[in-house]
N, C-alpha and C. Protein backbone atom coordinates (compact mmCIF):
# COMPACT_ATOMS: atom_id res chain seq x y z
N MET A 1 153.22 32.44 -38.51
CA MET A 1 151.83 32.06 -38.60
C MET A 1 151.47 31.90 -40.09
N VAL A 2 150.82 30.82 -40.41
CA VAL A 2 150.46 30.53 -41.79
C VAL A 2 148.96 30.30 -41.86
N GLY A 3 148.31 30.93 -42.84
CA GLY A 3 146.89 30.76 -43.02
C GLY A 3 146.60 29.94 -44.26
N ARG A 4 145.32 29.76 -44.53
CA ARG A 4 144.91 29.02 -45.72
C ARG A 4 143.95 29.89 -46.53
N ARG A 5 144.10 29.80 -47.84
CA ARG A 5 143.18 30.49 -48.75
C ARG A 5 141.95 29.63 -48.93
N PRO A 6 140.87 30.19 -49.50
CA PRO A 6 139.67 29.39 -49.73
C PRO A 6 139.92 28.18 -50.63
N ASP A 7 140.91 28.27 -51.51
CA ASP A 7 141.19 27.13 -52.39
C ASP A 7 142.11 26.10 -51.72
N GLY A 8 142.47 26.32 -50.47
CA GLY A 8 143.25 25.35 -49.72
C GLY A 8 144.74 25.60 -49.68
N ARG A 9 145.24 26.54 -50.47
CA ARG A 9 146.68 26.81 -50.47
C ARG A 9 147.09 27.49 -49.17
N ARG A 10 148.28 27.17 -48.74
CA ARG A 10 148.81 27.81 -47.54
C ARG A 10 149.50 29.11 -47.95
N VAL A 11 149.28 30.14 -47.15
CA VAL A 11 149.90 31.43 -47.43
C VAL A 11 150.51 31.99 -46.16
N ASP A 12 151.59 32.72 -46.35
CA ASP A 12 152.25 33.40 -45.24
C ASP A 12 151.82 34.86 -45.31
N PRO A 13 151.12 35.38 -44.29
CA PRO A 13 150.65 36.76 -44.35
C PRO A 13 151.77 37.79 -44.37
N ALA A 14 152.98 37.39 -44.02
CA ALA A 14 154.11 38.33 -44.05
C ALA A 14 154.67 38.51 -45.46
N VAL A 15 154.30 37.62 -46.36
CA VAL A 15 154.80 37.71 -47.74
C VAL A 15 153.69 38.30 -48.61
N PRO A 16 153.91 39.47 -49.19
CA PRO A 16 152.85 40.09 -50.00
C PRO A 16 152.61 39.33 -51.29
N GLU A 17 151.35 39.32 -51.71
CA GLU A 17 150.99 38.70 -52.98
C GLU A 17 150.76 39.80 -54.00
N SER A 18 151.16 39.56 -55.23
CA SER A 18 150.98 40.58 -56.26
C SER A 18 149.52 40.64 -56.70
N TRP A 19 149.08 41.84 -57.07
CA TRP A 19 147.74 42.05 -57.57
C TRP A 19 147.73 41.76 -59.07
N GLU A 20 146.53 41.67 -59.61
CA GLU A 20 146.41 41.47 -61.05
C GLU A 20 147.00 42.68 -61.76
N SER A 21 147.56 42.44 -62.89
CA SER A 21 148.21 43.50 -63.66
C SER A 21 147.22 44.60 -64.03
N PRO A 22 147.57 45.86 -63.81
CA PRO A 22 146.65 46.94 -64.21
C PRO A 22 146.50 47.06 -65.72
N SER A 23 147.32 46.36 -66.47
CA SER A 23 147.20 46.42 -67.93
C SER A 23 146.30 45.31 -68.46
N SER A 24 145.54 44.68 -67.58
CA SER A 24 144.63 43.63 -68.05
C SER A 24 143.53 44.26 -68.91
N TRP A 25 142.86 43.45 -69.70
CA TRP A 25 141.87 43.95 -70.65
C TRP A 25 140.73 44.69 -69.95
N TRP A 26 140.22 44.15 -68.84
CA TRP A 26 139.07 44.76 -68.18
C TRP A 26 139.40 46.12 -67.58
N SER A 27 140.61 46.31 -67.13
CA SER A 27 140.95 47.60 -66.53
C SER A 27 141.10 48.68 -67.60
N ARG A 28 141.31 48.30 -68.85
CA ARG A 28 141.44 49.29 -69.93
C ARG A 28 140.15 49.51 -70.69
N GLN A 29 139.11 48.73 -70.42
CA GLN A 29 137.85 48.83 -71.15
C GLN A 29 136.67 49.09 -70.22
N PRO A 30 136.67 50.18 -69.47
CA PRO A 30 135.56 50.40 -68.53
C PRO A 30 134.25 50.73 -69.22
N TRP A 31 134.28 51.14 -70.50
CA TRP A 31 133.04 51.48 -71.19
C TRP A 31 132.15 50.27 -71.40
N PHE A 32 132.70 49.07 -71.30
CA PHE A 32 131.88 47.88 -71.52
C PHE A 32 131.13 47.44 -70.27
N PHE A 33 131.32 48.14 -69.16
CA PHE A 33 130.56 47.85 -67.95
C PHE A 33 129.28 48.67 -67.98
N GLY A 34 128.16 48.01 -67.72
CA GLY A 34 126.87 48.70 -67.79
C GLY A 34 126.76 49.87 -66.84
N HIS A 35 127.29 49.74 -65.63
CA HIS A 35 127.17 50.82 -64.66
C HIS A 35 128.03 52.03 -65.04
N VAL A 36 128.92 51.88 -65.98
CA VAL A 36 129.72 52.99 -66.48
C VAL A 36 129.09 53.55 -67.75
N MET A 37 128.69 52.66 -68.65
CA MET A 37 128.18 53.07 -69.95
C MET A 37 126.79 53.70 -69.87
N PHE A 38 125.89 53.12 -69.11
CA PHE A 38 124.50 53.56 -69.10
C PHE A 38 124.32 55.03 -68.71
N PRO A 39 124.91 55.51 -67.61
CA PRO A 39 124.74 56.92 -67.28
C PRO A 39 125.29 57.87 -68.35
N HIS A 40 126.38 57.47 -68.99
CA HIS A 40 126.94 58.31 -70.04
C HIS A 40 126.03 58.36 -71.27
N VAL A 41 125.44 57.23 -71.62
CA VAL A 41 124.53 57.19 -72.76
C VAL A 41 123.28 58.02 -72.46
N VAL A 42 122.74 57.89 -71.26
CA VAL A 42 121.56 58.68 -70.88
C VAL A 42 121.89 60.17 -70.91
N ALA A 43 123.02 60.56 -70.34
CA ALA A 43 123.41 61.97 -70.32
C ALA A 43 123.62 62.51 -71.73
N PHE A 44 124.20 61.71 -72.60
CA PHE A 44 124.43 62.15 -73.98
C PHE A 44 123.11 62.42 -74.69
N PHE A 45 122.18 61.46 -74.62
CA PHE A 45 120.91 61.64 -75.33
C PHE A 45 120.05 62.73 -74.69
N LEU A 46 120.04 62.82 -73.39
CA LEU A 46 119.27 63.88 -72.73
C LEU A 46 119.87 65.25 -73.05
N GLY A 47 121.18 65.37 -73.04
CA GLY A 47 121.82 66.63 -73.40
C GLY A 47 121.56 67.01 -74.84
N THR A 48 121.62 66.03 -75.73
CA THR A 48 121.33 66.30 -77.15
C THR A 48 119.88 66.75 -77.32
N LEU A 49 118.96 66.08 -76.66
CA LEU A 49 117.54 66.45 -76.75
C LEU A 49 117.32 67.87 -76.23
N LEU A 50 117.87 68.19 -75.07
CA LEU A 50 117.69 69.54 -74.51
C LEU A 50 118.33 70.60 -75.40
N PHE A 51 119.48 70.29 -75.99
CA PHE A 51 120.14 71.24 -76.89
C PHE A 51 119.28 71.52 -78.11
N VAL A 52 118.74 70.48 -78.72
CA VAL A 52 117.90 70.65 -79.91
C VAL A 52 116.62 71.40 -79.55
N LEU A 53 116.01 71.06 -78.43
CA LEU A 53 114.80 71.77 -78.00
C LEU A 53 115.10 73.24 -77.75
N GLY A 54 116.26 73.52 -77.20
CA GLY A 54 116.66 74.91 -76.98
C GLY A 54 116.88 75.66 -78.29
N LEU A 55 117.43 74.97 -79.28
CA LEU A 55 117.64 75.61 -80.59
C LEU A 55 116.34 75.99 -81.27
N VAL A 56 115.33 75.15 -81.13
CA VAL A 56 114.06 75.45 -81.80
C VAL A 56 113.17 76.37 -80.97
N GLY A 57 113.59 76.77 -79.78
CA GLY A 57 112.89 77.78 -79.01
C GLY A 57 111.86 77.29 -78.03
N VAL A 58 111.90 76.04 -77.65
CA VAL A 58 110.91 75.49 -76.72
C VAL A 58 111.01 76.16 -75.35
N PHE A 59 112.19 76.55 -74.95
CA PHE A 59 112.40 77.14 -73.62
C PHE A 59 112.37 78.66 -73.64
N GLY A 60 111.97 79.23 -74.74
CA GLY A 60 111.90 80.69 -74.85
C GLY A 60 113.09 81.23 -75.62
N GLN A 61 113.07 82.56 -75.72
CA GLN A 61 114.13 83.23 -76.47
C GLN A 61 115.38 83.34 -75.64
N ILE A 62 116.53 83.19 -76.32
CA ILE A 62 117.82 83.29 -75.62
C ILE A 62 118.18 84.75 -75.44
């Protein structure tokens, strides 16, 4: 049994196709994706703010 891909090529489902190389640029640079970078940036700044506020005694004595 032979199927067709969306681009029109014929493919045999019994023959596996290779995936994109895991060493591609995008797989090694996840920090450039907004959904990865944004939560980390927010957590960093919020943690820094809470740490500084704690140092100056806003939350009471340690």
